[in-house]
C-alpha atoms as a PDB file:
ATOM      1  CA  MET A   1     -49.411 -60.154-113.185  1.00  0.00           C
ATOM      2  CA  SER A   2     -45.470 -61.173-112.770  1.00  0.00           C
ATOM      3  CA  PRO A   3     -44.620 -62.413-116.150  1.00  0.00           C
ATOM      4  CA  LEU A   4     -42.466 -65.206-114.486  1.00  0.00           C
ATOM      5  CA  ARG A   5     -45.431 -66.258-112.138  1.00  0.00           C
ATOM      6  CA  SER A   6     -48.406 -68.694-113.607  1.00  0.00           C
ATOM      7  CA  GLY A   7     -51.500 -67.442-113.122  1.00  0.00           C
ATOM      8  CA  ARG A   8     -53.616 -70.572-113.955  1.00  0.00           C
ATOM      9  CA  GLY A   9     -53.084 -74.441-112.752  1.00  0.00           C
ATOM     10  CA  GLY A  10     -49.687 -73.566-111.288  1.00  0.00           C
ATOM     11  CA  ALA A  11     -51.679 -72.575-108.166  1.00  0.00           C
ATOM     12  CA  GLY A  12     -49.170 -69.647-108.029  1.00  0.00           C
ATOM     13  CA  LEU A  13     -46.330 -71.141-109.399  1.00  0.00           C
ATOM     14  CA  ARG A  14     -42.431 -68.599-109.204  1.00  0.00           C
ATOM     15  CA  TRP A  15     -41.013 -69.058-112.163  1.00  0.00           C
ATOM     16  CA  TRP A  16     -37.606 -67.002-110.423  1.00  0.00           C
ATOM     17  CA  PRO A  17     -35.531 -69.235-108.015  1.00  0.00           C
ATOM     18  CA  ILE A  18     -35.710 -72.351-110.808  1.00  0.00           C
ATOM     19  CA  ILE A  19     -34.312 -70.333-113.672  1.00  0.00           C
ATOM     20  CA  LEU A  20     -32.108 -68.338-111.111  1.00  0.00           C
ATOM     21  CA  PHE A  21     -30.794 -72.111-109.709  1.00  0.00           C
ATOM     22  CA  VAL A  22     -30.130 -72.752-113.113  1.00  0.00           C
ATOM     23  CA  LEU A  23     -27.530 -70.276-113.825  1.00  0.00           C
ATOM     24  CA  TYR A  24     -25.957 -71.156-110.971  1.00  0.00           C
ATOM     25  CA  LEU A  25     -26.409 -74.828-111.101  1.00  0.00           C
ATOM     26  CA  GLY A  26     -24.549 -74.634-114.567  1.00  0.00           C
ATOM     27  CA  TYR A  27     -22.016 -71.179-113.104  1.00  0.00           C
ATOM     28  CA  TYR A  28     -20.838 -74.244-109.757  1.00  0.00           C
ATOM     29  CA  TRP A  29     -20.631 -77.657-112.147  1.00  0.00           C
ATOM     30  CA  PHE A  30     -18.953 -76.234-115.380  1.00  0.00           C
ATOM     31  CA  SER A  31     -16.818 -74.392-112.199  1.00  0.00           C
ATOM     32  CA  ASN A  32     -15.539 -76.944-110.556  1.00  0.00           C
ATOM     33  CA  GLN A  33     -14.976 -80.357-112.675  1.00  0.00           C
ATOM     34  CA  GLN A  34     -11.862 -81.594-111.824  1.00  0.00           C
ATOM     35  CA  GLU A  35     -10.451 -85.281-112.988  1.00  0.00           C
ATOM     36  CA  VAL A  36     -11.120 -88.697-110.856  1.00  0.00           C
ATOM     37  CA  PRO A  37      -8.098 -90.189-111.079  1.00  0.00           C
ATOM     38  CA  ILE A  38      -7.675 -93.769-112.849  1.00  0.00           C
ATOM     39  CA  THR A  39     -11.314 -93.591-114.393  1.00  0.00           C
ATOM     40  CA  GLY A  40     -10.595 -90.174-116.441  1.00  0.00           C
ATOM     41  CA  ARG A  41     -14.447 -89.921-115.171  1.00  0.00           C
ATOM     42  CA  SER A  42     -15.120 -85.666-114.492  1.00  0.00           C
ATOM     43  CA  GLN A  43     -16.949 -84.932-110.541  1.00  0.00           C
ATOM     44  CA  LEU A  44     -17.992 -82.671-109.169  1.00  0.00           C
ATOM     45  CA  VAL A  45     -15.848 -80.867-106.354  1.00  0.00           C
ATOM     46  CA  ASP A  46     -14.961 -77.524-104.517  1.00  0.00           C
ATOM     47  CA  LEU A  47     -13.458 -78.220-101.277  1.00  0.00           C
ATOM     48  CA  SER A  48      -9.721 -78.074-101.778  1.00  0.00           C
ATOM     49  CA  ARG A  49      -7.270 -80.573-101.035  1.00  0.00           C
ATOM     50  CA  GLU A  50      -6.215 -79.458 -97.473  1.00  0.00           C
ATOM     51  CA  GLN A  51      -9.713 -78.463 -96.475  1.00  0.00           C
ATOM     52  CA  GLU A  52     -10.272 -82.196 -97.253  1.00  0.00           C
ATOM     53  CA  LEU A  53      -6.834 -83.762 -94.999  1.00  0.00           C
ATOM     54  CA  ALA A  54      -8.355 -80.713 -91.949  1.00  0.00           C
ATOM     55  CA  LEU A  55     -12.249 -82.489 -91.831  1.00  0.00           C
ATOM     56  CA  GLY A  56     -11.017 -87.007 -92.792  1.00  0.00           C
ATOM     57  CA  LEU A  57      -8.271 -86.263 -90.239  1.00  0.00           C
ATOM     58  CA  GLN A  58     -11.199 -84.007 -87.417  1.00  0.00           C
ATOM     59  CA  SER A  59     -12.871 -86.765 -88.423  1.00  0.00           C
ATOM     60  CA  TYR A  60     -10.305 -89.507 -87.804  1.00  0.00           C
ATOM     61  CA  GLN A  61      -9.474 -88.014 -84.855  1.00  0.00           C
ATOM     62  CA  GLN A  62     -13.449 -88.499 -83.339  1.00  0.00           C
ATOM     63  CA  ILE A  63     -13.734 -91.885 -84.380  1.00  0.00           C
ATOM     64  CA  LEU A  64     -10.574 -93.062 -82.296  1.00  0.00           C
ATOM     65  CA  ALA A  65     -11.556 -91.154 -79.408  1.00  0.00           C
ATOM     66  CA  GLN A  66     -14.400 -93.998 -79.374  1.00  0.00           C
ATOM     67  CA  GLU A  67     -13.298 -96.960 -80.421  1.00  0.00           C
ATOM     68  CA  GLN A  68     -11.502 -99.559 -78.920  1.00  0.00           C
ATOM     69  CA  VAL A  69      -8.219 -98.895 -81.259  1.00  0.00           C
ATOM     70  CA  VAL A  70      -5.526-102.090 -81.300  1.00  0.00           C
ATOM     71  CA  ARG A  71      -2.393-100.932 -80.892  1.00  0.00           C
ATOM     72  CA  ALA A  72      -0.479-104.522 -81.195  1.00  0.00           C
ATOM     73  CA  GLY A  73      -0.493-108.546 -83.218  1.00  0.00           C
ATOM     74  CA  PRO A  74      -0.293-109.969 -86.715  1.00  0.00           C
ATOM     75  CA  GLN A  75      -3.360-108.347 -88.208  1.00  0.00           C
ATOM     76  CA  VAL A  76      -1.925-104.572 -86.933  1.00  0.00           C
ATOM     77  CA  ASP A  77       0.428-105.464 -88.933  1.00  0.00           C
ATOM     78  CA  ALA A  78      -1.194-107.233 -91.826  1.00  0.00           C
ATOM     79  CA  VAL A  79      -3.250-104.166 -91.728  1.00  0.00           C
ATOM     80  CA  ARG A  80      -0.368-102.012 -91.952  1.00  0.00           C
ATOM     81  CA  ASP A  81       1.575-103.564 -94.352  1.00  0.00           C
ATOM     82  CA  ILE A  82      -1.366-104.235 -96.689  1.00  0.00           C
ATOM     83  CA  GLY A  83      -1.986-100.943 -96.340  1.00  0.00           C
ATOM     84  CA  ARG A  84       1.082 -99.593 -97.516  1.00  0.00           C
ATOM     85  CA  ARG A  85       1.780-102.282-100.255  1.00  0.00           C
ATOM     86  CA  LEU A  86      -1.723-100.563-101.405  1.00  0.00           C
ATOM     87  CA  VAL A  87      -0.386 -96.877-101.447  1.00  0.00           C
ATOM     88  CA  VAL A  88       2.068 -97.966-103.209  1.00  0.00           C
ATOM     89  CA  ALA A  89       0.342 -99.882-105.771  1.00  0.00           C
ATOM     90  CA  ALA A  90      -1.710 -96.071-106.174  1.00  0.00           C
ATOM     91  CA  GLN A  91       0.826 -94.209-107.110  1.00  0.00           C
ATOM     92  CA  ALA A  92       2.084 -96.223-109.724  1.00  0.00           C
ATOM     93  CA  ILE A  93      -1.017 -96.089-111.397  1.00  0.00           C
ATOM     94  CA  ALA A  94      -1.858 -92.310-110.776  1.00  0.00           C
ATOM     95  CA  PRO A  95       1.240 -90.993-110.783  1.00  0.00           C
ATOM     96  CA  ASP A  96      -0.327 -87.335-111.060  1.00  0.00           C
ATOM     97  CA  VAL A  97      -2.254 -87.671-108.053  1.00  0.00           C
ATOM     98  CA  PRO A  98      -1.147 -84.847-105.444  1.00  0.00           C
ATOM     99  CA  TRP A  99      -0.097 -87.245-103.195  1.00  0.00           C
ATOM    100  CA  GLN A 100       1.857 -84.218-100.469  1.00  0.00           C
ATOM    101  CA  HIS A 101      -1.729 -83.487 -99.480  1.00  0.00           C
ATOM    102  CA  PHE A 102      -2.459 -87.713 -98.497  1.00  0.00           C
ATOM    103  CA  GLU A 103      -1.614 -88.747 -94.212  1.00  0.00           C
ATOM    104  CA  TRP A 104      -1.814 -91.949 -94.787  1.00  0.00           C
ATOM    105  CA  GLU A 105      -1.889 -93.883 -90.870  1.00  0.00           C
ATOM    106  CA  PHE A 106      -3.682 -97.520 -90.639  1.00  0.00           C
ATOM    107  CA  ASN A 107      -5.577 -99.064 -87.581  1.00  0.00           C
ATOM    108  CA  LEU A 108      -7.487-101.862 -86.622  1.00  0.00           C
ATOM    109  CA  VAL A 109     -10.664-102.309 -84.039  1.00  0.00           C
ATOM    110  CA  HIS A 110     -12.069-104.597 -82.883  1.00  0.00           C
ATOM    111  CA  SER A 111     -15.912-104.388 -83.038  1.00  0.00           C
ATOM    112  CA  GLY A 112     -18.452-107.163 -84.427  1.00  0.00           C
ATOM    113  CA  GLN A 113     -18.861-104.563 -87.439  1.00  0.00           C
ATOM    114  CA  ALA A 114     -18.300-105.814 -91.396  1.00  0.00           C
ATOM    115  CA  ASN A 115     -17.069-102.839 -91.143  1.00  0.00           C
ATOM    116  CA  ALA A 116     -13.447-100.427 -92.648  1.00  0.00           C
ATOM    117  CA  PHE A 117     -13.560 -96.720 -94.134  1.00  0.00           C
ATOM    118  CA  CYS A 118     -11.278 -94.935 -95.351  1.00  0.00           C
ATOM    119  CA  LEU A 119     -12.056 -91.029 -95.124  1.00  0.00           C
ATOM    120  CA  PRO A 120     -10.136 -88.032 -97.148  1.00  0.00           C
ATOM    121  CA  GLY A 121      -6.765 -87.628 -96.567  1.00  0.00           C
ATOM    122  CA  GLY A 122      -6.557 -91.401 -96.452  1.00  0.00           C
ATOM    123  CA  LYS A 123      -7.189 -91.720 -93.205  1.00  0.00           C
ATOM    124  CA  VAL A 124      -7.994 -95.595 -93.356  1.00  0.00           C
ATOM    125  CA  ALA A 125      -9.651 -97.960 -90.680  1.00  0.00           C
ATOM    126  CA  VAL A 126     -10.909-101.942 -90.615  1.00  0.00           C
ATOM    127  CA  TYR A 127     -12.127-103.761 -88.115  1.00  0.00           C
ATOM    128  CA  THR A 128     -11.796-107.022 -86.850  1.00  0.00           C
ATOM    129  CA  GLY A 129     -15.533-108.151 -87.915  1.00  0.00           C
ATOM    130  CA  ILE A 130     -15.009-108.448 -91.310  1.00  0.00           C
ATOM    131  CA  LEU A 131     -11.065-110.618 -90.990  1.00  0.00           C
ATOM    132  CA  PRO A 132     -13.634-113.853 -91.237  1.00  0.00           C
ATOM    133  CA  ILE A 133     -15.009-112.607 -94.243  1.00  0.00           C
ATOM    134  CA  THR A 134     -11.646-111.162 -96.359  1.00  0.00           C
ATOM    135  CA  ALA A 135     -10.314-114.346 -95.428  1.00  0.00           C
ATOM    136  CA  ASN A 136      -6.849-114.254 -96.901  1.00  0.00           C
ATOM    137  CA  GLU A 137      -4.917-110.933 -97.396  1.00  0.00           C
ATOM    138  CA  ASN A 138      -6.351-110.784-101.101  1.00  0.00           C
ATOM    139  CA  GLY A 139      -9.600-110.750 -99.360  1.00  0.00           C
ATOM    140  CA  LEU A 140      -8.370-107.306 -96.619  1.00  0.00           C
ATOM    141  CA  ALA A 141      -6.001-106.182 -99.779  1.00  0.00           C
ATOM    142  CA  VAL A 142      -9.544-105.658-102.011  1.00  0.00           C
ATOM    143  CA  VAL A 143     -11.588-103.830 -99.552  1.00  0.00           C
ATOM    144  CA  MET A 144      -8.512-101.906 -98.205  1.00  0.00           C
ATOM    145  CA  GLY A 145      -8.636-101.525-102.368  1.00  0.00           C
ATOM    146  CA  HIS A 146     -11.719-100.130-101.665  1.00  0.00           C
ATOM    147  CA  GLU A 147     -11.916 -97.604 -99.586  1.00  0.00           C
ATOM    148  CA  ILE A 148      -8.914 -96.659-100.391  1.00  0.00           C
ATOM    149  CA  ALA A 149      -9.876 -95.737-103.897  1.00  0.00           C
ATOM    150  CA  HIS A 150     -13.035 -93.952-102.317  1.00  0.00           C
ATOM    151  CA  ALA A 151     -10.304 -90.798-100.840  1.00  0.00           C
ATOM    152  CA  ILE A 152      -8.659 -91.430-103.926  1.00  0.00           C
ATOM    153  CA  ALA A 153     -11.250 -90.346-106.141  1.00  0.00           C
ATOM    154  CA  ARG A 154     -12.292 -87.767-103.336  1.00  0.00           C
ATOM    155  CA  HIS A 155     -16.156 -88.781-103.323  1.00  0.00           C
ATOM    156  CA  GLY A 156     -16.095 -87.290-100.030  1.00  0.00           C
ATOM    157  CA  ALA A 157     -15.200 -83.921-101.632  1.00  0.00           C
ATOM    158  CA  GLU A 158     -17.489 -84.839-103.995  1.00  0.00           C
ATOM    159  CA  ARG A 159     -20.618 -85.945-102.288  1.00  0.00           C
ATOM    160  CA  MET A 160     -20.402 -82.818-100.319  1.00  0.00           C
ATOM    161  CA  ALA A 161     -20.645 -80.919-104.080  1.00  0.00           C
ATOM    162  CA  MET A 162     -24.259 -82.630-105.007  1.00  0.00           C
ATOM    163  CA  GLN A 163     -25.415 -82.524-101.075  1.00  0.00           C
ATOM    164  CA  LYS A 164     -25.204 -78.945-101.283  1.00  0.00           C
ATOM    165  CA  LEU A 165     -27.061 -78.411-105.488  1.00  0.00           C
ATOM    166  CA  VAL A 166     -29.909 -80.780-103.731  1.00  0.00           C
ATOM    167  CA  GLN A 167     -30.296 -79.034-100.888  1.00  0.00           C
ATOM    168  CA  LEU A 168     -30.345 -75.107-103.187  1.00  0.00           C
ATOM    169  CA  GLY A 169     -32.402 -76.320-105.259  1.00  0.00           C
ATOM    170  CA  SER A 170     -35.272 -78.171-102.596  1.00  0.00           C
ATOM    171  CA  VAL A 171     -34.980 -74.488-101.718  1.00  0.00           C
ATOM    172  CA  ALA A 172     -35.486 -72.973-104.797  1.00  0.00           C
ATOM    173  CA  ALA A 173     -38.521 -75.123-104.851  1.00  0.00           C
ATOM    174  CA  GLY A 174     -40.120 -74.463-101.526  1.00  0.00           C
ATOM    175  CA  MET A 175     -39.720 -70.742-103.084  1.00  0.00           C
ATOM    176  CA  SER A 176     -41.366 -71.024-106.465  1.00  0.00           C
ATOM    177  CA  ILE A 177     -44.634 -73.194-104.358  1.00  0.00           C
ATOM    178  CA  SER A 178     -45.051 -70.882-101.833  1.00  0.00           C
ATOM    179  CA  ASP A 179     -47.926 -69.234-102.966  1.00  0.00           C
ATOM    180  CA  MET A 180     -49.460 -72.408-102.947  1.00  0.00           C
ATOM    181  CA  ASP A 181     -52.093 -73.662-100.217  1.00  0.00           C
ATOM    182  CA  PRO A 182     -49.598 -76.198 -97.254  1.00  0.00           C
ATOM    183  CA  ARG A 183     -51.222 -79.531 -98.535  1.00  0.00           C
ATOM    184  CA  THR A 184     -50.493 -79.095-102.029  1.00  0.00           C
ATOM    185  CA  GLN A 185     -46.936 -77.959-100.628  1.00  0.00           C
ATOM    186  CA  GLN A 186     -46.333 -80.535 -98.508  1.00  0.00           C
ATOM    187  CA  MET A 187     -47.478 -83.160-102.004  1.00  0.00           C
ATOM    188  CA  VAL A 188     -44.851 -81.408-104.134  1.00  0.00           C
ATOM    189  CA  MET A 189     -42.192 -80.992-101.984  1.00  0.00           C
ATOM    190  CA  GLY A 190     -42.737 -85.064-100.800  1.00  0.00           C
ATOM    191  CA  ALA A 191     -42.435 -85.727-104.422  1.00  0.00           C
ATOM    192  CA  LEU A 192     -39.554 -84.498-105.133  1.00  0.00           C
ATOM    193  CA  GLY A 193     -38.413 -84.791-102.684  1.00  0.00           C
ATOM    194  CA  ALA A 194     -38.511 -88.773-103.141  1.00  0.00           C
ATOM    195  CA  GLY A 195     -37.805 -88.298-106.884  1.00  0.00           C
ATOM    196  CA  ALA A 196     -33.867 -86.404-105.438  1.00  0.00           C
ATOM    197  CA  GLN A 197     -33.632 -89.163-103.132  1.00  0.00           C
ATOM    198  CA  TYR A 198     -34.490 -92.179-106.175  1.00  0.00           C
ATOM    199  CA  GLY A 199     -33.330 -90.463-109.126  1.00  0.00           C
ATOM    200  CA  ILE A 200     -30.689 -89.026-107.591  1.00  0.00           C
ATOM    201  CA  VAL A 201     -28.624 -88.972-103.969  1.00  0.00           C
ATOM    202  CA  LEU A 202     -28.956 -93.083-103.981  1.00  0.00           C
ATOM    203  CA  PRO A 203     -28.032 -94.092-107.483  1.00  0.00           C
ATOM    204  CA  PHE A 204     -25.056 -91.629-106.614  1.00  0.00           C
ATOM    205  CA  SER A 205     -23.552 -93.284-104.283  1.00  0.00           C
ATOM    206  CA  ARG A 206     -23.660 -97.185-106.103  1.00  0.00           C
ATOM    207  CA  ASP A 207     -21.667 -95.427-108.347  1.00  0.00           C
ATOM    208  CA  HIS A 208     -19.257 -94.108-105.881  1.00  0.00           C
ATOM    209  CA  GLU A 209     -19.798 -97.494-104.582  1.00  0.00           C
ATOM    210  CA  SER A 210     -18.936 -99.380-108.717  1.00  0.00           C
ATOM    211  CA  GLU A 211     -16.402 -96.560-108.969  1.00  0.00           C
ATOM    212  CA  ALA A 212     -14.029 -97.488-106.035  1.00  0.00           C
ATOM    213  CA  ASP A 213     -15.088-101.565-106.406  1.00  0.00           C
ATOM    214  CA  ARG A 214     -13.006-100.802-109.622  1.00  0.00           C
ATOM    215  CA  ILE A 215      -9.810 -98.730-108.638  1.00  0.00           C
ATOM    216  CA  GLY A 216      -9.599-100.931-105.957  1.00  0.00           C
ATOM    217  CA  LEU A 217      -9.353-104.084-108.298  1.00  0.00           C
ATOM    218  CA  LEU A 218      -7.200-101.920-110.052  1.00  0.00           C
ATOM    219  CA  VAL A 219      -4.687-101.030-106.722  1.00  0.00           C
ATOM    220  CA  ALA A 220      -4.455-104.904-105.455  1.00  0.00           C
ATOM    221  CA  ALA A 221      -3.417-106.417-108.371  1.00  0.00           C
ATOM    222  CA  ARG A 222      -1.014-103.962-109.003  1.00  0.00           C
ATOM    223  CA  ALA A 223       0.294-104.654-105.058  1.00  0.00           C
ATOM    224  CA  CYS A 224       0.272-107.820-106.632  1.00  0.00           C
ATOM    225  CA  PHE A 225      -3.140-109.278-104.434  1.00  0.00           C
ATOM    226  CA  ASP A 226      -4.211-111.166-106.226  1.00  0.00           C
ATOM    227  CA  PRO A 227      -8.285-109.901-107.881  1.00  0.00           C
ATOM    228  CA  ARG A 228      -9.278-112.906-108.478  1.00  0.00           C
ATOM    229  CA  GLU A 229     -10.276-112.712-104.636  1.00  0.00           C
ATOM    230  CA  ALA A 230     -12.356-109.997-104.861  1.00  0.00           C
ATOM    231  CA  PRO A 231     -15.784-112.056-106.588  1.00  0.00           C
ATOM    232  CA  ARG A 232     -14.839-114.261-103.566  1.00  0.00           C
ATOM    233  CA  LEU A 233     -14.801-111.780-101.150  1.00  0.00           C
ATOM    234  CA  TRP A 234     -18.579-110.741-102.769  1.00  0.00           C
ATOM    235  CA  GLU A 235     -19.129-114.680-102.579  1.00  0.00           C
ATOM    236  CA  ARG A 236     -19.141-114.324 -98.827  1.00  0.00           C
ATOM    237  CA  MET A 237     -20.053-111.376 -98.144  1.00  0.00           C
ATOM    238  CA  GLY A 238     -23.156-112.431 -99.602  1.00  0.00           C
ATOM    239  CA  GLN A 239     -23.341-115.058 -97.028  1.00  0.00           C
ATOM    240  CA  ALA A 240     -22.394-113.124 -94.090  1.00  0.00           C
ATOM    241  CA  SER A 241     -25.528-111.080 -94.963  1.00  0.00           C
ATOM    242  CA  GLY A 242     -27.471-114.525 -94.765  1.00  0.00           C
ATOM    243  CA  GLY A 243     -29.374-112.168 -97.844  1.00  0.00           C
ATOM    244  CA  ARG A 244     -30.544-110.144 -95.563  1.00  0.00           C
ATOM    245  CA  GLN A 245     -30.523-106.702 -98.553  1.00  0.00           C
ATOM    246  CA  PRO A 246     -32.323-103.712 -99.454  1.00  0.00           C
ATOM    247  CA  PRO A 247     -33.140-103.756-103.138  1.00  0.00           C
ATOM    248  CA  GLU A 248     -30.596-102.235-105.532  1.00  0.00           C
ATOM    249  CA  PHE A 249     -32.997 -99.481-105.973  1.00  0.00           C
ATOM    250  CA  ALA A 250     -33.114 -98.055-101.841  1.00  0.00           C
ATOM    251  CA  SER A 251     -29.446 -99.386-101.705  1.00  0.00           C
ATOM    252  CA  THR A 252     -26.733 -96.162-101.405  1.00  0.00           C
ATOM    253  CA  HIS A 253     -24.573-100.122-102.862  1.00  0.00           C
ATOM    254  CA  PRO A 254     -25.260-102.044-105.677  1.00  0.00           C
ATOM    255  CA  SER A 255     -26.937-105.028-104.750  1.00  0.00           C
ATOM    256  CA  HIS A 256     -23.614-107.973-104.645  1.00  0.00           C
ATOM    257  CA  ASP A 257     -24.387-109.551-107.476  1.00  0.00           C
ATOM    258  CA  THR A 258     -24.321-106.850-109.274  1.00  0.00           C
ATOM    259  CA  ARG A 259     -20.967-106.065-107.488  1.00  0.00           C
ATOM    260  CA  ILE A 260     -19.556-109.969-108.707  1.00  0.00           C
ATOM    261  CA  ARG A 261     -20.827-108.860-112.250  1.00  0.00           C
ATOM    262  CA  GLN A 262     -19.097-105.454-112.210  1.00  0.00           C
ATOM    263  CA  LEU A 263     -16.381-107.210-111.248  1.00  0.00           C
ATOM    264  CA  GLU A 264     -15.697-109.803-113.411  1.00  0.00           C
ATOM    265  CA  ALA A 265     -16.170-107.830-116.117  1.00  0.00           C
ATOM    266  CA  TRP A 266     -13.209-105.773-114.569  1.00  0.00           C
ATOM    267  CA  MET A 267     -11.492-108.785-113.918  1.00  0.00           C
ATOM    268  CA  PRO A 268      -8.899-108.713-116.849  1.00  0.00           C
ATOM    269  CA  GLU A 269      -7.746-105.208-116.663  1.00  0.00           C
ATOM    270  CA  ALA A 270      -6.543-105.999-113.824  1.00  0.00           C
ATOM    271  CA  MET A 271      -5.863-109.219-114.204  1.00  0.00           C
ATOM    272  CA  ALA A 272      -3.221-107.750-117.211  1.00  0.00           C
ATOM    273  CA  LEU A 273      -2.030-105.070-114.935  1.00  0.00           C
ATOM    274  CA  TYR A 274      -1.670-108.535-112.166  1.00  0.00           C
ATOM    275  CA  GLU A 275       0.375-110.625-114.570  1.00  0.00           C
ATOM    276  CA  GLN A 276       2.600-107.589-115.672  1.00  0.00           C
ATOM    277  CA  HIS A 277       3.943-106.520-112.047  1.00  0.00           C
ATOM    278  CA  CYS A 278       3.694-109.549-110.964  1.00  0.00           C
ATOM    279  CA  GLY A 279       4.245-112.660-113.103  1.00  0.00           C
ATOM    280  CA  ARG A 280       1.543-115.699-113.327  1.00  0.00           C
ATOM    281  CA  ARG A 281       0.432-116.619-109.729  1.00  0.00           C
END
């Protein structure tokens, strides 16, 4: 019997794929560690900034080609002015970021969707459907600051690295149980898939959203937008959704109530920035 195969109870479980995956995981993890600006969290990123910028630009062009971009008007001017102010504030808060790798662009898209996004490299789009919810420039700055924070923190590249590990882990698990009968293999892989989804992928996404909330709040405050609008924004988001939100454990985003609590906890830090650089308002 092979020393790397279980003979009893393991139904032919192969250990060598798991061992190889763990060894690779350790090497990959410690070889690709970076620090998130502003929060200082360690993150896993293996994509170069040049690759990240190219991917962001390609995706942005494809999305805008399929959407109705608003070319001019006061709403377009507001989006671009707020975007410029947020970028200047972010550069002031995080001067060590290699800002030359960002090519900022801000567009307004005519759509009923209550949405906004920022792709790697600084490609931002705001959908007109979210403007009634943002209600004012402070609310819009909170939304745009959150999206810009995703790009600053390189969440897209980090998500790609984590997905790579999850996929490799799935392959290793499949190889390790390849001697089991098909029904057992299906049950084991199903359980592992559910465990990865609810134990790794979804919490990972929620952590990104919370980190973007915090960074975006600080950037908006430094840009002299009132951070106290952030909790009110999420109250309006909850009202707009009509309370229709999946349970937090099954969602890629924290619940509206969780976001409000977190924003309130970060508010003293944001208000200190706001009052220091913008005066009491």
